[in-house]
Amino acid sequence: MAHGGEHEPAGSATTSVTPVERTSLFSDSVTAPGQFPLSLGCAQLGNLHRPLSNEDAVSIVESAWEHGLRYFDTAPHYGLGLSERRLGQALRGRPRDTFIVSTKVGRLLESRSVDGTPNRDRLHHVPATHERVWDFSRDGVRRSLEESLERLGTDRVDVVYLHDPDDHAAEALDDAYPALEELRAQGVVRAIGAGMNQSALLTRFVRETDVDVVMIAGRLTLLDSSAADDLVPACSERGVGVAAAGVFNSGVLATLGSGEPVTYDYAPAPDAVLHRARRIQHLCHSYGTDLATVALQFPLRFGPVETITVGCDSAEQVARNVTAAQAPIPEGLWEAINQLIDCQLYTR
């Protein structure tokens, strides 16, 4: 996901919704049999925040595979296409029907003139040889997907999301979504959806279109579970799957107390957020576990959530996340968290 703006921690829904019966979009392909439904977010493969060598990038994907992860999410936005190229390289040679790849549309990569100055992309450590151009037109969607397939080195992807259409809602609903519907009907893609850092427009997509899945970043977390107010019940009613991303709110829920810089939604964490996070951390410690482990598993307490998409910047971090994802958490802790953050969990 693109980075989100600052959000105050929000309370969440207080009325439960009974999920409808549905078949999981990801079926058994999200993870190897018996594994936790964790998926790899590939923004870091595009040198998000720090440069990675090609070898290190490939090792992240290989570690994810070895630990049973089978769903990989990328986008042209991540490193101006570098993430897609590296993911394609890392998956090359593996049977195509044994894993799922999603990418996104809405930003075209246009060449720009380079005068020799080592200009760098703002978030990703890559040469700024291209610029992102918003385009949610029908032709833009098709062109974006074609270029993604070329970078990935594959003839198909499984899921395509509209990427951050916040300021382009009308065009996304009127032009881009019908284009995705055509691609799904033609069998070019298996599933379609939208991915955003806010739940209001995602909820519109769920209620007004026939999307299969949505990706929500940072709004179904221990610090901001606001998507439980609107998106979760809508997805439960409509049988739409949810991929939960940004589960650490860009860092605070993973690094609090570690001595590392503490960020919340890609900005320095405000005092109110730090106070809230410390209270939850204290509660986790009282039950013999840690904040990051609980944050990682939290979204799966909501029925429509089918996978948790987490980025990793090393093979070792993949292993740590898998261990955390499978760690037992006492039910009493979930009940205590429910009371502390005033969040009615839509349990499975």
Protein backbone atom coordinates (compact mmCIF):
# COMPACT_ATOMS: atom_id res chain seq x y z
CA MET A 1 0.00 0.00 0.00
CA ALA A 2 1.02 3.55 -0.42
CA HIS A 3 1.68 5.26 2.88
CA GLY A 4 -1.34 6.60 4.72
CA GLY A 5 -1.85 9.90 6.45
CA GLU A 6 -2.09 10.40 10.19
CA HIS A 7 -5.11 8.85 11.84
CA GLU A 8 -6.14 9.03 15.46
CA PRO A 9 -6.78 5.61 16.98
CA ALA A 10 -10.42 4.76 16.53
CA GLY A 11 -12.91 2.75 18.46
CA SER A 12 -14.72 -0.02 16.65
CA ALA A 13 -18.02 -1.69 16.10
CA THR A 14 -20.07 -2.94 19.03
CA THR A 15 -22.61 -5.06 17.17
CA SER A 16 -21.61 -8.42 15.80
CA VAL A 17 -22.41 -9.54 12.28
CA THR A 18 -22.84 -13.17 11.31
CA PRO A 19 -20.55 -13.95 8.35
CA VAL A 20 -22.16 -15.51 5.31
CA GLU A 21 -21.07 -18.93 4.10
CA ARG A 22 -18.49 -18.60 1.34
CA THR A 23 -15.58 -20.39 -0.21
CA SER A 24 -12.20 -18.84 0.54
CA LEU A 25 -10.87 -16.93 -2.45
CA PHE A 26 -7.37 -18.09 -1.67
CA SER A 27 -8.39 -21.66 -0.85
CA ASP A 28 -5.37 -23.74 0.17
CA SER A 29 -2.93 -21.71 -1.90
CA VAL A 30 -2.26 -18.94 0.62
CA THR A 31 0.00 -21.22 2.60
CA ALA A 32 1.16 -24.78 2.46
CA PRO A 33 -1.25 -27.18 4.18
CA GLY A 34 -1.55 -26.64 7.92
CA GLN A 35 0.27 -23.30 7.92
CA PHE A 36 -0.91 -19.97 9.28
CA PRO A 37 -2.61 -17.79 6.59
CA LEU A 38 0.28 -15.37 6.21
CA SER A 39 1.23 -13.76 2.90
CA LEU A 40 4.25 -11.78 1.78
CA GLY A 41 3.89 -8.10 0.98
CA CYS A 42 6.60 -7.24 -1.51
CA ALA A 43 7.08 -3.48 -1.10
CA GLN A 44 10.47 -4.16 0.47
CA LEU A 45 11.55 -5.94 -2.71
CA GLY A 46 11.25 -2.49 -4.29
CA ASN A 47 13.81 -1.07 -1.84
CA LEU A 48 11.24 0.50 0.48
CA HIS A 49 13.11 2.69 2.99
CA ARG A 50 16.47 0.98 2.34
CA PRO A 51 18.25 -0.66 -0.59
CA LEU A 52 18.39 -4.44 -0.91
CA SER A 53 20.65 -6.41 -3.19
CA ASN A 54 19.01 -8.69 -5.74
CA GLU A 55 20.37 -11.65 -3.79
CA ASP A 56 18.81 -10.46 -0.53
CA ALA A 57 15.50 -9.74 -2.25
CA VAL A 58 15.37 -13.22 -3.75
CA SER A 59 16.30 -14.75 -0.38
CA ILE A 60 13.25 -13.10 1.21
CA VAL A 61 10.94 -14.81 -1.27
CA GLU A 62 12.80 -18.10 -0.92
CA SER A 63 12.49 -17.92 2.86
CA ALA A 64 8.77 -17.19 2.55
CA TRP A 65 8.38 -20.21 0.29
CA GLU A 66 10.35 -22.47 2.61
CA HIS A 67 8.13 -21.38 5.50
CA GLY A 68 4.96 -22.24 3.59
CA LEU A 69 3.81 -18.85 2.28
CA ARG A 70 2.15 -19.10 -1.12
CA TYR A 71 0.54 -15.68 -1.67
CA PHE A 72 2.72 -12.77 -2.82
CA ASP A 73 1.42 -9.20 -3.21
CA THR A 74 3.19 -6.57 -5.28
CA ALA A 75 2.50 -3.39 -7.29
CA PRO A 76 4.10 -1.17 -9.94
CA HIS A 77 4.30 1.53 -7.25
CA TYR A 78 6.81 -0.48 -5.23
CA GLY A 79 10.21 0.64 -6.42
CA LEU A 80 8.95 1.81 -9.81
CA GLY A 81 8.48 -1.78 -10.95
CA LEU A 82 11.53 -3.22 -9.18
CA SER A 83 9.39 -5.25 -6.77
CA GLU A 84 7.55 -6.93 -9.63
CA ARG A 85 10.76 -7.74 -11.49
CA ARG A 86 12.40 -9.22 -8.42
CA LEU A 87 9.33 -11.21 -7.43
CA GLY A 88 9.10 -12.66 -10.91
CA GLN A 89 12.76 -13.61 -10.79
CA ALA A 90 12.39 -15.29 -7.39
CA LEU A 91 9.33 -17.32 -8.42
CA ARG A 92 10.65 -18.35 -11.81
CA GLY A 93 10.69 -22.09 -12.28
CA ARG A 94 8.10 -22.83 -9.61
CA PRO A 95 4.87 -24.49 -10.82
CA ARG A 96 2.50 -21.60 -11.58
CA ASP A 97 -0.54 -23.30 -10.07
CA THR A 98 1.13 -23.65 -6.67
CA PHE A 99 1.11 -19.97 -5.67
CA ILE A 100 -0.93 -16.77 -5.90
CA VAL A 101 0.31 -13.39 -7.12
CA SER A 102 -1.58 -10.13 -6.84
CA THR A 103 -0.63 -6.78 -8.30
CA LYS A 104 -2.32 -3.42 -8.57
CA VAL A 105 -3.46 -0.87 -11.13
CA GLY A 106 -4.08 2.87 -11.00
CA ARG A 107 -0.54 4.19 -11.39
CA LEU A 108 1.23 4.03 -14.73
CA LEU A 109 5.01 4.29 -14.83
CA GLU A 110 6.04 6.90 -17.38
CA SER A 111 9.65 7.44 -18.47
CA ARG A 112 11.21 10.71 -17.44
CA SER A 113 14.34 12.45 -18.68
CA VAL A 114 17.36 11.91 -16.47
CA ASP A 115 20.15 14.51 -16.51
CA GLY A 116 22.73 12.39 -14.73
CA THR A 117 21.81 13.63 -11.26
CA PRO A 118 21.40 10.70 -8.83
CA ASN A 119 17.75 11.53 -8.27
CA ARG A 120 16.04 9.07 -5.94
CA ASP A 121 12.45 8.05 -5.54
CA ARG A 122 10.93 9.51 -2.36
CA LEU A 123 10.06 6.28 -0.50
CA HIS A 124 11.99 3.67 -2.44
CA HIS A 125 15.75 3.62 -2.90
CA VAL A 126 15.70 3.39 -6.68
CA PRO A 127 16.76 5.79 -9.44
CA ALA A 128 13.83 8.02 -10.36
CA THR A 129 13.93 7.03 -14.03
CA HIS A 130 10.13 6.93 -14.14
CA GLU A 131 7.30 8.84 -12.56
CA ARG A 132 3.97 7.55 -11.36
CA VAL A 133 0.95 8.87 -13.22
CA TRP A 134 -2.51 8.28 -11.82
CA ASP A 135 -4.71 6.56 -14.40
CA PHE A 136 -7.94 4.72 -13.57
CA SER A 137 -9.21 4.72 -17.15
CA ARG A 138 -10.11 1.49 -18.90
CA ASP A 139 -7.08 1.74 -21.18
CA GLY A 140 -4.87 2.66 -18.24
CA VAL A 141 -5.96 -0.42 -16.31
CA ARG A 142 -5.25 -2.72 -19.25
CA ARG A 143 -1.90 -1.12 -20.01
CA SER A 144 -0.85 -1.26 -16.37
CA LEU A 145 -1.66 -4.96 -16.13
CA GLU A 146 0.14 -5.76 -19.39
CA GLU A 147 3.27 -3.99 -18.16
CA SER A 148 3.07 -5.76 -14.80
CA LEU A 149 2.85 -9.14 -16.51
CA GLU A 150 5.95 -8.29 -18.52
CA ARG A 151 7.90 -7.26 -15.42
CA LEU A 152 6.76 -10.35 -13.53
CA GLY A 153 7.62 -12.59 -16.46
CA THR A 154 4.30 -14.41 -16.30
CA ASP A 155 1.21 -14.75 -18.45
CA ARG A 156 -1.25 -14.14 -15.63
CA VAL A 157 -1.81 -12.88 -12.12
CA ASP A 158 -4.48 -14.19 -9.80
CA VAL A 159 -5.72 -10.98 -8.16
CA VAL A 160 -5.72 -7.36 -9.34
CA TYR A 161 -6.47 -4.52 -6.92
CA LEU A 162 -7.32 -0.91 -7.70
CA HIS A 163 -4.50 0.83 -5.84
CA ASP A 164 -5.36 3.75 -3.54
CA PRO A 165 -8.19 5.33 -5.57
CA ASP A 166 -8.95 7.76 -2.71
CA ASP A 167 -8.90 10.92 -4.84
CA HIS A 168 -10.20 9.19 -7.97
CA ALA A 169 -13.34 7.52 -6.68
CA ALA A 170 -15.61 8.39 -9.61
CA GLU A 171 -13.17 7.23 -12.29
CA ALA A 172 -12.28 4.12 -10.29
CA LEU A 173 -15.93 3.12 -9.88
CA ASP A 174 -17.11 4.14 -13.36
CA ASP A 175 -14.12 3.18 -15.54
CA ALA A 176 -11.48 1.12 -13.74
CA TYR A 177 -13.80 -1.29 -11.98
CA PRO A 178 -15.72 -2.23 -15.16
CA ALA A 179 -12.36 -2.81 -16.85
CA LEU A 180 -11.42 -5.24 -14.09
CA GLU A 181 -14.80 -6.93 -14.44
CA GLU A 182 -14.09 -7.48 -18.14
CA LEU A 183 -10.69 -8.98 -17.37
CA ARG A 184 -12.24 -11.34 -14.84
CA ALA A 185 -15.01 -12.37 -17.24
CA GLN A 186 -12.40 -13.05 -19.92
CA GLY A 187 -10.42 -15.23 -17.52
CA VAL A 188 -7.39 -12.94 -17.64
CA VAL A 189 -7.51 -12.57 -13.85
CA ARG A 190 -9.15 -14.78 -11.29
CA ALA A 191 -10.26 -12.16 -8.77
CA ILE A 192 -10.57 -8.38 -8.54
CA GLY A 193 -10.74 -5.86 -5.76
CA ALA A 194 -9.35 -2.64 -4.30
CA GLY A 195 -6.63 -1.85 -1.80
CA MET A 196 -6.54 1.26 0.37
CA ASN A 197 -5.52 2.79 3.69
CA GLN A 198 -9.09 3.89 4.48
CA SER A 199 -12.22 1.83 4.88
CA ALA A 200 -15.01 4.20 3.78
CA LEU A 201 -14.38 3.99 0.03
CA LEU A 202 -13.49 0.31 0.27
CA THR A 203 -16.88 -0.25 1.86
CA ARG A 204 -18.50 1.51 -1.10
CA PHE A 205 -16.73 -0.88 -3.45
CA VAL A 206 -17.96 -3.84 -1.43
CA ARG A 207 -21.57 -2.62 -1.37
CA GLU A 208 -21.80 -1.16 -4.89
CA THR A 209 -19.73 -3.58 -6.98
CA ASP A 210 -18.98 -7.27 -7.24
CA VAL A 211 -15.40 -7.31 -5.95
CA ASP A 212 -14.00 -10.60 -4.69
CA VAL A 213 -11.52 -9.26 -2.16
CA VAL A 214 -10.28 -6.02 -0.62
CA MET A 215 -6.96 -5.15 0.97
CA ILE A 216 -7.14 -2.80 3.95
CA ALA A 217 -3.90 -1.34 5.30
CA GLY A 218 -3.54 -0.05 8.84
CA ARG A 219 -7.22 0.17 9.69
CA LEU A 220 -7.71 -3.26 11.22
CA THR A 221 -5.04 -3.09 13.90
CA LEU A 222 -4.66 -2.89 17.65
CA LEU A 223 -4.31 0.90 17.33
CA ASP A 224 -6.92 1.60 14.67
CA SER A 225 -9.67 -0.94 14.15
CA SER A 226 -11.97 1.53 12.42
CA ALA A 227 -12.54 -0.85 9.49
CA ALA A 228 -14.58 -2.97 11.91
CA ASP A 229 -17.24 -0.25 11.86
CA ASP A 230 -18.05 -0.44 8.16
CA LEU A 231 -15.82 -2.69 6.06
CA VAL A 232 -15.95 -5.85 8.17
CA PRO A 233 -19.76 -6.07 8.38
CA ALA A 234 -20.09 -5.20 4.68
CA CYS A 235 -17.66 -7.95 3.71
CA SER A 236 -19.42 -10.40 6.01
CA GLU A 237 -22.77 -9.63 4.40
CA ARG A 238 -21.47 -9.70 0.83
CA GLY A 239 -19.10 -12.65 1.13
CA VAL A 240 -16.04 -10.57 0.22
CA GLY A 241 -12.62 -11.64 1.46
CA VAL A 242 -10.23 -9.31 3.25
CA ALA A 243 -6.45 -9.20 3.07
CA ALA A 244 -5.22 -7.27 6.12
CA ALA A 245 -2.01 -5.30 5.59
CA GLY A 246 -0.18 -2.68 7.62
CA VAL A 247 -0.81 -4.66 10.81
CA PHE A 248 2.01 -2.85 12.65
CA ASN A 249 0.82 0.64 11.57
CA SER A 250 4.16 1.10 9.77
CA GLY A 251 6.25 0.20 12.79
CA VAL A 252 5.02 1.21 16.23
CA LEU A 253 3.43 -2.16 17.01
CA ALA A 254 6.61 -3.99 16.01
CA THR A 255 9.37 -1.72 17.32
CA LEU A 256 7.97 -0.16 20.52
CA GLY A 257 10.60 -0.48 23.25
CA SER A 258 13.29 -1.78 20.89
CA GLY A 259 15.23 1.47 20.70
CA GLU A 260 14.41 1.84 17.00
CA PRO A 261 12.57 4.92 15.72
CA VAL A 262 8.85 4.55 16.38
CA THR A 263 6.54 5.48 13.52
CA TYR A 264 2.78 5.42 13.11
CA ASP A 265 1.42 5.48 9.58
CA TYR A 266 4.83 6.52 8.22
CA ALA A 267 5.24 9.53 10.54
CA PRO A 268 6.64 9.94 14.05
CA ALA A 269 4.17 8.37 16.47
CA PRO A 270 2.15 10.96 18.44
CA ASP A 271 2.14 10.79 22.23
CA ALA A 272 -1.48 9.60 22.33
CA VAL A 273 -0.62 6.68 20.06
CA LEU A 274 2.45 5.79 22.12
CA HIS A 275 0.38 5.84 25.32
CA ARG A 276 -2.22 3.54 23.78
CA ALA A 277 0.42 1.19 22.40
CA ARG A 278 2.20 0.96 25.76
CA ARG A 279 -1.04 0.05 27.52
CA ILE A 280 -1.65 -2.78 25.06
CA GLN A 281 1.99 -3.85 25.31
CA HIS A 282 1.73 -4.05 29.11
CA LEU A 283 -1.39 -6.19 28.76
CA CYS A 284 0.39 -8.53 26.33
CA HIS A 285 3.33 -8.91 28.70
CA SER A 286 0.98 -9.75 31.56
CA TYR A 287 -0.19 -12.75 29.51
CA GLY A 288 3.33 -13.86 28.66
CA THR A 289 3.47 -12.71 25.06
CA ASP A 290 4.65 -9.64 23.15
CA LEU A 291 3.00 -6.78 21.31
CA ALA A 292 4.23 -7.66 17.81
CA THR A 293 2.95 -11.23 18.03
CA VAL A 294 -0.50 -10.10 19.11
CA ALA A 295 -0.56 -7.33 16.49
CA LEU A 296 0.28 -9.82 13.77
CA GLN A 297 -2.54 -12.20 14.70
CA PHE A 298 -5.16 -9.58 15.61
CA PRO A 299 -6.80 -9.14 12.18
CA LEU A 300 -7.65 -12.82 11.94
CA ARG A 301 -10.09 -12.33 14.80
CA PHE A 302 -12.39 -10.80 12.18
CA GLY A 303 -14.29 -13.38 10.15
CA PRO A 304 -13.85 -11.99 6.61
CA VAL A 305 -10.06 -11.74 6.96
CA GLU A 306 -8.48 -14.52 4.89
CA THR A 307 -4.82 -13.56 5.00
CA ILE A 308 -2.45 -11.20 6.75
CA THR A 309 -0.06 -9.54 4.30
CA VAL A 310 3.23 -8.55 5.92
CA GLY A 311 6.35 -7.11 4.36
CA CYS A 312 9.81 -8.33 5.35
CA ASP A 313 13.23 -6.84 4.63
CA SER A 314 15.25 -9.99 5.32
CA ALA A 315 14.92 -13.75 5.23
CA GLU A 316 15.37 -13.76 9.00
CA GLN A 317 12.42 -11.43 9.46
CA VAL A 318 10.26 -13.82 7.45
CA ALA A 319 11.17 -16.59 9.89
CA ARG A 320 10.42 -14.36 12.90
CA ASN A 321 7.02 -13.39 11.51
CA VAL A 322 6.09 -16.99 10.81
CA THR A 323 7.04 -17.94 14.37
CA ALA A 324 4.98 -15.06 15.75
CA ALA A 325 2.05 -15.94 13.51
CA GLN A 326 1.91 -19.45 14.93
CA ALA A 327 2.52 -18.60 18.58
CA PRO A 328 -0.33 -19.53 20.95
CA ILE A 329 -2.19 -16.57 22.46
CA PRO A 330 -4.46 -17.11 25.48
CA GLU A 331 -8.12 -16.49 24.78
CA GLY A 332 -8.22 -14.42 27.94
CA LEU A 333 -5.84 -11.92 26.35
CA TRP A 334 -8.12 -11.47 23.37
CA GLU A 335 -11.02 -10.84 25.72
CA ALA A 336 -8.98 -8.29 27.67
CA ILE A 337 -7.90 -6.55 24.46
CA ASN A 338 -11.49 -6.48 23.30
CA GLN A 339 -12.44 -4.58 26.45
CA LEU A 340 -9.41 -2.29 26.36
CA ILE A 341 -9.84 -1.09 22.79
CA ASP A 342 -13.65 -1.29 22.77
CA CYS A 343 -13.72 -3.53 19.73
CA GLN A 344 -16.32 -6.21 19.09
CA LEU A 345 -14.46 -8.97 17.27
CA TYR A 346 -16.27 -10.65 14.41
CA THR A 347 -14.89 -14.03 15.30
CA ARG A 348 -14.95 -16.99 12.96
